[in-house]
PDB file of N, CA and C in Angstrom:
ATOM      1  N   MET A   1       5.256  10.953 -16.117  1.00  0.00           N
ATOM      2  CA  MET A   1       3.850  10.621 -16.177  1.00  0.00           C
ATOM      3  C   MET A   1       3.454   9.681 -15.034  1.00  0.00           C
ATOM      4  N   LEU A   2       4.290   8.701 -14.754  1.00  0.00           N
ATOM      5  CA  LEU A   2       3.996   7.752 -13.689  1.00  0.00           C
ATOM      6  C   LEU A   2       3.948   8.462 -12.320  1.00  0.00           C
ATOM      7  N   ILE A   3       4.819   9.426 -12.131  1.00  0.00           N
ATOM      8  CA  ILE A   3       4.822  10.202 -10.879  1.00  0.00           C
ATOM      9  C   ILE A   3       3.473  10.897 -10.709  1.00  0.00           C
ATOM     10  N   GLU A   4       2.946  11.461 -11.770  1.00  0.00           N
ATOM     11  CA  GLU A   4       1.661  12.158 -11.688  1.00  0.00           C
ATOM     12  C   GLU A   4       0.521  11.208 -11.314  1.00  0.00           C
ATOM     13  N   VAL A   5       0.543  10.006 -11.860  1.00  0.00           N
ATOM     14  CA  VAL A   5      -0.493   9.007 -11.541  1.00  0.00           C
ATOM     15  C   VAL A   5      -0.386   8.605 -10.067  1.00  0.00           C
ATOM     16  N   ILE A   6       0.836   8.339  -9.632  1.00  0.00           N
ATOM     17  CA  ILE A   6       1.059   7.934  -8.232  1.00  0.00           C
ATOM     18  C   ILE A   6       0.602   9.045  -7.286  1.00  0.00           C
ATOM     19  N   GLU A   7       0.968  10.277  -7.628  1.00  0.00           N
ATOM     20  CA  GLU A   7       0.607  11.424  -6.784  1.00  0.00           C
ATOM     21  C   GLU A   7      -0.910  11.606  -6.713  1.00  0.00           C
ATOM     22  N   THR A   8      -1.613  11.309  -7.788  1.00  0.00           N
ATOM     23  CA  THR A   8      -3.073  11.397  -7.798  1.00  0.00           C
ATOM     24  C   THR A   8      -3.669  10.380  -6.831  1.00  0.00           C
ATOM     25  N   ILE A   9      -3.069   9.200  -6.776  1.00  0.00           N
ATOM     26  CA  ILE A   9      -3.567   8.148  -5.874  1.00  0.00           C
ATOM     27  C   ILE A   9      -3.255   8.488  -4.423  1.00  0.00           C
ATOM     28  N   ASN A  10      -2.049   9.000  -4.167  1.00  0.00           N
ATOM     29  CA  ASN A  10      -1.659   9.354  -2.796  1.00  0.00           C
ATOM     30  C   ASN A  10      -0.875  10.668  -2.785  1.00  0.00           C
ATOM     31  N   PRO A  11      -1.601  11.777  -2.676  1.00  0.00           N
ATOM     32  CA  PRO A  11      -0.938  13.082  -2.696  1.00  0.00           C
ATOM     33  C   PRO A  11      -0.083  13.377  -1.450  1.00  0.00           C
ATOM     34  N   LYS A  12      -0.129  12.532  -0.441  1.00  0.00           N
ATOM     35  CA  LYS A  12       0.659  12.761   0.778  1.00  0.00           C
ATOM     36  C   LYS A  12       2.115  12.307   0.626  1.00  0.00           C
ATOM     37  N   LEU A  13       2.428  11.597  -0.441  1.00  0.00           N
ATOM     38  CA  LEU A  13       3.788  11.119  -0.634  1.00  0.00           C
ATOM     39  C   LEU A  13       4.720  12.288  -0.944  1.00  0.00           C
ATOM     40  N   THR A  14       5.940  12.200  -0.445  1.00  0.00           N
ATOM     41  CA  THR A  14       6.945  13.231  -0.715  1.00  0.00           C
ATOM     42  C   THR A  14       7.495  13.055  -2.130  1.00  0.00           C
ATOM     43  N   ARG A  15       8.175  14.069  -2.609  1.00  0.00           N
ATOM     44  CA  ARG A  15       8.760  13.996  -3.954  1.00  0.00           C
ATOM     45  C   ARG A  15       9.735  12.827  -4.074  1.00  0.00           C
ATOM     46  N   PRO A  16      10.632  12.612  -3.099  1.00  0.00           N
ATOM     47  CA  PRO A  16      11.525  11.456  -3.192  1.00  0.00           C
ATOM     48  C   PRO A  16      10.746  10.126  -3.201  1.00  0.00           C
ATOM     49  N   GLN A  17       9.694  10.029  -2.411  1.00  0.00           N
ATOM     50  CA  GLN A  17       8.887   8.802  -2.401  1.00  0.00           C
ATOM     51  C   GLN A  17       8.239   8.567  -3.771  1.00  0.00           C
ATOM     52  N   LEU A  18       7.732   9.633  -4.356  1.00  0.00           N
ATOM     53  CA  LEU A  18       7.100   9.525  -5.681  1.00  0.00           C
ATOM     54  C   LEU A  18       8.113   9.026  -6.707  1.00  0.00           C
ATOM     55  N   ARG A  19       9.310   9.592  -6.673  1.00  0.00           N
ATOM     56  CA  ARG A  19      10.340   9.173  -7.628  1.00  0.00           C
ATOM     57  C   ARG A  19      10.751   7.720  -7.408  1.00  0.00           C
ATOM     58  N   ARG A  20      10.912   7.332  -6.145  1.00  0.00           N
ATOM     59  CA  ARG A  20      11.297   5.957  -5.843  1.00  0.00           C
ATOM     60  C   ARG A  20      10.227   4.959  -6.332  1.00  0.00           C
ATOM     61  N   LEU A  21       8.981   5.282  -6.050  1.00  0.00           N
ATOM     62  CA  LEU A  21       7.909   4.406  -6.505  1.00  0.00           C
ATOM     63  C   LEU A  21       7.838   4.330  -8.019  1.00  0.00           C
ATOM     64  N   ALA A  22       7.992   5.440  -8.681  1.00  0.00           N
ATOM     65  CA  ALA A  22       7.946   5.463 -10.153  1.00  0.00           C
ATOM     66  C   ALA A  22       9.069   4.590 -10.732  1.00  0.00           C
ATOM     67  N   VAL A  23      10.262   4.714 -10.193  1.00  0.00           N
ATOM     68  CA  VAL A  23      11.382   3.899 -10.676  1.00  0.00           C
ATOM     69  C   VAL A  23      11.131   2.418 -10.369  1.00  0.00           C
ATOM     70  N   PHE A  24      10.669   2.126  -9.179  1.00  0.00           N
ATOM     71  CA  PHE A  24      10.403   0.747  -8.780  1.00  0.00           C
ATOM     72  C   PHE A  24       9.349   0.105  -9.675  1.00  0.00           C
ATOM     73  N   ILE A  25       8.252   0.821  -9.912  1.00  0.00           N
ATOM     74  CA  ILE A  25       7.171   0.280 -10.737  1.00  0.00           C
ATOM     75  C   ILE A  25       7.636   0.114 -12.179  1.00  0.00           C
ATOM     76  N   SER A  26       8.322   1.106 -12.699  1.00  0.00           N
ATOM     77  CA  SER A  26       8.824   1.025 -14.064  1.00  0.00           C
ATOM     78  C   SER A  26       9.795  -0.149 -14.234  1.00  0.00           C
ATOM     79  N   ALA A  27      10.719  -0.285 -13.306  1.00  0.00           N
ATOM     80  CA  ALA A  27      11.686  -1.384 -13.378  1.00  0.00           C
ATOM     81  C   ALA A  27      10.982  -2.740 -13.254  1.00  0.00           C
ATOM     82  N   SER A  28       9.984  -2.803 -12.408  1.00  0.00           N
ATOM     83  CA  SER A  28       9.241  -4.060 -12.229  1.00  0.00           C
ATOM     84  C   SER A  28       8.526  -4.443 -13.523  1.00  0.00           C
ATOM     85  N   LEU A  29       7.887  -3.472 -14.137  1.00  0.00           N
ATOM     86  CA  LEU A  29       7.192  -3.728 -15.408  1.00  0.00           C
ATOM     87  C   LEU A  29       8.160  -4.185 -16.483  1.00  0.00           C
ATOM     88  N   GLU A  30       9.278  -3.509 -16.581  1.00  0.00           N
ATOM     89  CA  GLU A  30      10.289  -3.898 -17.571  1.00  0.00           C
ATOM     90  C   GLU A  30      10.792  -5.304 -17.281  1.00  0.00           C
ATOM     91  N   GLY A  31      11.021  -5.603 -16.022  1.00  0.00           N
ATOM     92  CA  GLY A  31      11.525  -6.918 -15.636  1.00  0.00           C
ATOM     93  C   GLY A  31      10.543  -8.055 -15.947  1.00  0.00           C
ATOM     94  N   HIS A  32       9.285  -7.751 -15.866  1.00  0.00           N
ATOM     95  CA  HIS A  32       8.278  -8.780 -16.145  1.00  0.00           C
ATOM     96  C   HIS A  32       8.298  -9.220 -17.612  1.00  0.00           C
ATOM     97  N   THR A  33       8.754  -8.351 -18.501  1.00  0.00           N
ATOM     98  CA  THR A  33       8.692  -8.685 -19.922  1.00  0.00           C
ATOM     99  C   THR A  33       9.535  -9.912 -20.270  1.00  0.00           C
ATOM    100  N   ILE A  34      10.591 -10.183 -19.513  1.00  0.00           N
ATOM    101  CA  ILE A  34      11.407 -11.359 -19.832  1.00  0.00           C
ATOM    102  C   ILE A  34      10.685 -12.670 -19.472  1.00  0.00           C
ATOM    103  N   PHE A  35       9.656 -12.551 -18.654  1.00  0.00           N
ATOM    104  CA  PHE A  35       8.901 -13.731 -18.265  1.00  0.00           C
ATOM    105  C   PHE A  35       7.557 -13.852 -18.968  1.00  0.00           C
ATOM    106  N   ILE A  36       6.869 -12.726 -19.153  1.00  0.00           N
ATOM    107  CA  ILE A  36       5.511 -12.808 -19.700  1.00  0.00           C
ATOM    108  C   ILE A  36       5.355 -12.068 -21.028  1.00  0.00           C
ATOM    109  N   GLY A  37       6.466 -11.642 -21.608  1.00  0.00           N
ATOM    110  CA  GLY A  37       6.422 -10.983 -22.910  1.00  0.00           C
ATOM    111  C   GLY A  37       6.021 -11.944 -24.027  1.00  0.00           C
ATOM    112  N   HIS A  38       5.889 -11.422 -25.218  1.00  0.00           N
ATOM    113  CA  HIS A  38       5.488 -12.208 -26.397  1.00  0.00           C
ATOM    114  C   HIS A  38       6.373 -13.448 -26.555  1.00  0.00           C
ATOM    115  N   GLY A  39       5.721 -14.606 -26.627  1.00  0.00           N
ATOM    116  CA  GLY A  39       6.432 -15.858 -26.858  1.00  0.00           C
ATOM    117  C   GLY A  39       7.180 -16.411 -25.657  1.00  0.00           C
ATOM    118  N   LYS A  40       7.022 -15.814 -24.511  1.00  0.00           N
ATOM    119  CA  LYS A  40       7.733 -16.266 -23.299  1.00  0.00           C
ATOM    120  C   LYS A  40       6.949 -17.379 -22.623  1.00  0.00           C
ATOM    121  N   PRO A  41       7.647 -18.248 -21.867  1.00  0.00           N
ATOM    122  CA  PRO A  41       7.005 -19.415 -21.264  1.00  0.00           C
ATOM    123  C   PRO A  41       5.854 -19.100 -20.309  1.00  0.00           C
ATOM    124  N   TRP A  42       5.916 -17.982 -19.615  1.00  0.00           N
ATOM    125  CA  TRP A  42       4.882 -17.650 -18.634  1.00  0.00           C
ATOM    126  C   TRP A  42       3.781 -16.770 -19.231  1.00  0.00           C
ATOM    127  N   ARG A  43       3.776 -16.591 -20.524  1.00  0.00           N
ATOM    128  CA  ARG A  43       2.805 -15.723 -21.206  1.00  0.00           C
ATOM    129  C   ARG A  43       1.359 -16.072 -20.835  1.00  0.00           C
ATOM    130  N   LYS A  44       1.087 -17.352 -20.697  1.00  0.00           N
ATOM    131  CA  LYS A  44      -0.284 -17.812 -20.358  1.00  0.00           C
ATOM    132  C   LYS A  44      -0.714 -17.313 -18.985  1.00  0.00           C
ATOM    133  N   GLU A  45       0.234 -16.981 -18.155  1.00  0.00           N
ATOM    134  CA  GLU A  45      -0.054 -16.505 -16.795  1.00  0.00           C
ATOM    135  C   GLU A  45      -0.053 -14.979 -16.704  1.00  0.00           C
ATOM    136  N   SER A  46       0.072 -14.303 -17.818  1.00  0.00           N
ATOM    137  CA  SER A  46       0.252 -12.852 -17.784  1.00  0.00           C
ATOM    138  C   SER A  46      -0.905 -12.136 -17.086  1.00  0.00           C
ATOM    139  N   ASP A  47      -2.146 -12.556 -17.288  1.00  0.00           N
ATOM    140  CA  ASP A  47      -3.270 -11.894 -16.618  1.00  0.00           C
ATOM    141  C   ASP A  47      -3.143 -11.990 -15.097  1.00  0.00           C
ATOM    142  N   ASN A  48      -2.770 -13.154 -14.611  1.00  0.00           N
ATOM    143  CA  ASN A  48      -2.610 -13.350 -13.162  1.00  0.00           C
ATOM    144  C   ASN A  48      -1.437 -12.539 -12.620  1.00  0.00           C
ATOM    145  N   ILE A  49      -0.346 -12.543 -13.341  1.00  0.00           N
ATOM    146  CA  ILE A  49       0.835 -11.810 -12.890  1.00  0.00           C
ATOM    147  C   ILE A  49       0.595 -10.308 -12.909  1.00  0.00           C
ATOM    148  N   VAL A  50      -0.063  -9.815 -13.947  1.00  0.00           N
ATOM    149  CA  VAL A  50      -0.394  -8.393 -14.018  1.00  0.00           C
ATOM    150  C   VAL A  50      -1.329  -8.018 -12.878  1.00  0.00           C
ATOM    151  N   SER A  51      -2.274  -8.870 -12.569  1.00  0.00           N
ATOM    152  CA  SER A  51      -3.207  -8.603 -11.458  1.00  0.00           C
ATOM    153  C   SER A  51      -2.443  -8.515 -10.132  1.00  0.00           C
ATOM    154  N   MET A  52      -1.542  -9.446  -9.903  1.00  0.00           N
ATOM    155  CA  MET A  52      -0.746  -9.431  -8.653  1.00  0.00           C
ATOM    156  C   MET A  52       0.119  -8.176  -8.585  1.00  0.00           C
ATOM    157  N   ALA A  53       0.745  -7.817  -9.694  1.00  0.00           N
ATOM    158  CA  ALA A  53       1.601  -6.630  -9.713  1.00  0.00           C
ATOM    159  C   ALA A  53       0.770  -5.375  -9.438  1.00  0.00           C
ATOM    160  N   THR A  54      -0.377  -5.286 -10.078  1.00  0.00           N
ATOM    161  CA  THR A  54      -1.252  -4.111  -9.885  1.00  0.00           C
ATOM    162  C   THR A  54      -1.676  -3.988  -8.430  1.00  0.00           C
ATOM    163  N   GLN A  55      -2.098  -5.083  -7.835  1.00  0.00           N
ATOM    164  CA  GLN A  55      -2.499  -5.070  -6.423  1.00  0.00           C
ATOM    165  C   GLN A  55      -1.334  -4.629  -5.533  1.00  0.00           C
ATOM    166  N   SER A  56      -0.156  -5.171  -5.820  1.00  0.00           N
ATOM    167  CA  SER A  56       1.027  -4.825  -5.015  1.00  0.00           C
ATOM    168  C   SER A  56       1.397  -3.353  -5.154  1.00  0.00           C
ATOM    169  N   PHE A  57       1.406  -2.865  -6.383  1.00  0.00           N
ATOM    170  CA  PHE A  57       1.756  -1.467  -6.607  1.00  0.00           C
ATOM    171  C   PHE A  57       0.753  -0.539  -5.937  1.00  0.00           C
ATOM    172  N   LEU A  58      -0.536  -0.840  -6.085  1.00  0.00           N
ATOM    173  CA  LEU A  58      -1.565   0.012  -5.470  1.00  0.00           C
ATOM    174  C   LEU A  58      -1.463  -0.020  -3.944  1.00  0.00           C
ATOM    175  N   TRP A  59      -1.189  -1.180  -3.367  1.00  0.00           N
ATOM    176  CA  TRP A  59      -1.024  -1.250  -1.919  1.00  0.00           C
ATOM    177  C   TRP A  59       0.134  -0.356  -1.477  1.00  0.00           C
ATOM    178  N   LEU A  60       1.250  -0.466  -2.186  1.00  0.00           N
ATOM    179  CA  LEU A  60       2.428   0.314  -1.834  1.00  0.00           C
ATOM    180  C   LEU A  60       2.148   1.817  -1.939  1.00  0.00           C
ATOM    181  N   ILE A  61       1.483   2.218  -3.004  1.00  0.00           N
ATOM    182  CA  ILE A  61       1.160   3.642  -3.186  1.00  0.00           C
ATOM    183  C   ILE A  61       0.200   4.117  -2.117  1.00  0.00           C
ATOM    184  N   ARG A  62      -0.872   3.392  -1.915  1.00  0.00           N
ATOM    185  CA  ARG A  62      -1.911   3.830  -0.947  1.00  0.00           C
ATOM    186  C   ARG A  62      -1.394   3.817   0.494  1.00  0.00           C
ATOM    187  N   SER A  63      -0.601   2.821   0.834  1.00  0.00           N
ATOM    188  CA  SER A  63      -0.114   2.709   2.217  1.00  0.00           C
ATOM    189  C   SER A  63       0.918   3.775   2.535  1.00  0.00           C
ATOM    190  N   GLY A  64       1.641   4.218   1.521  1.00  0.00           N
ATOM    191  CA  GLY A  64       2.693   5.202   1.759  1.00  0.00           C
ATOM    192  C   GLY A  64       3.898   4.590   2.446  1.00  0.00           C
ATOM    193  N   ASP A  65       3.947   3.272   2.489  1.00  0.00           N
ATOM    194  CA  ASP A  65       5.044   2.580   3.166  1.00  0.00           C
ATOM    195  C   ASP A  65       6.259   2.505   2.252  1.00  0.00           C
ATOM    196  N   VAL A  66       6.806   3.690   1.981  1.00  0.00           N
ATOM    197  CA  VAL A  66       7.927   3.856   1.077  1.00  0.00           C
ATOM    198  C   VAL A  66       8.983   4.665   1.812  1.00  0.00           C
ATOM    199  N   PRO A  67      10.261   4.269   1.758  1.00  0.00           N
ATOM    200  CA  PRO A  67      11.276   5.074   2.452  1.00  0.00           C
ATOM    201  C   PRO A  67      11.188   6.557   2.046  1.00  0.00           C
ATOM    202  N   LYS A  68      11.333   7.407   3.071  1.00  0.00           N
ATOM    203  CA  LYS A  68      11.277   8.858   2.822  1.00  0.00           C
ATOM    204  C   LYS A  68      12.627   9.320   2.405  1.00  0.00           C
TER     205      LYS A  68
END
């Protein structure tokens, strides 16, 4: 599903690039849960961290600056 969303944003990406981005984004989201998940110390910053992550992911997808 994530590959389809990424491809919609930037259809010029190759299949390997789409897979790499999907894995990177998924792993990043999972990794954030140890810091901003329920009851975690950085929970109060979750809106800011999610905003930064979203901006970063969108820049990476739109720029296409992903190893081929």
